[in-house]
Amino acid sequence: MNGIAFELAKLDALYIGRGNEEIVFSSADTAHSAEFYLLSYPAHATHPTKLIRSAEQAKVMLGASETANLRELTKLIPPGGNGQLPTGNGFTRLAPGNVWTPCRRIRT
């Protein structure tokens, strides 16, 4: 990023602030290519670039095995994180044997 290299491990996140123009993705091991997920969102202000290691990310266990929805919510960049970001970003991982789906259930 603008001539500065960041080495990310699996599930690390890199917040790249507004105004950075040269952003290059590459894999350290071309035999086992890395997979990147890119999210772009308009910024209302400039925030510093920040590497967020997996161990630093907020993780919350939700649901229960009894209802087949036990899962871990990982907040990569929570709203208000790294300054006052207008949006958050994260992902959900299911526990083995669970089949949670993010649809709403309406009870009658």
Foldseek 3Di string as FASTA:
>chain_A
DLPDDDDADPPKDKDAWPPDDDDDDFAPDPVDTDDDDDDDDDWPDTFHIDIGHQVNWDKDWDDDVVQLATKIKTWNACQCRRHHTNHTDTDIDGDPRGDDDPDDDDDD
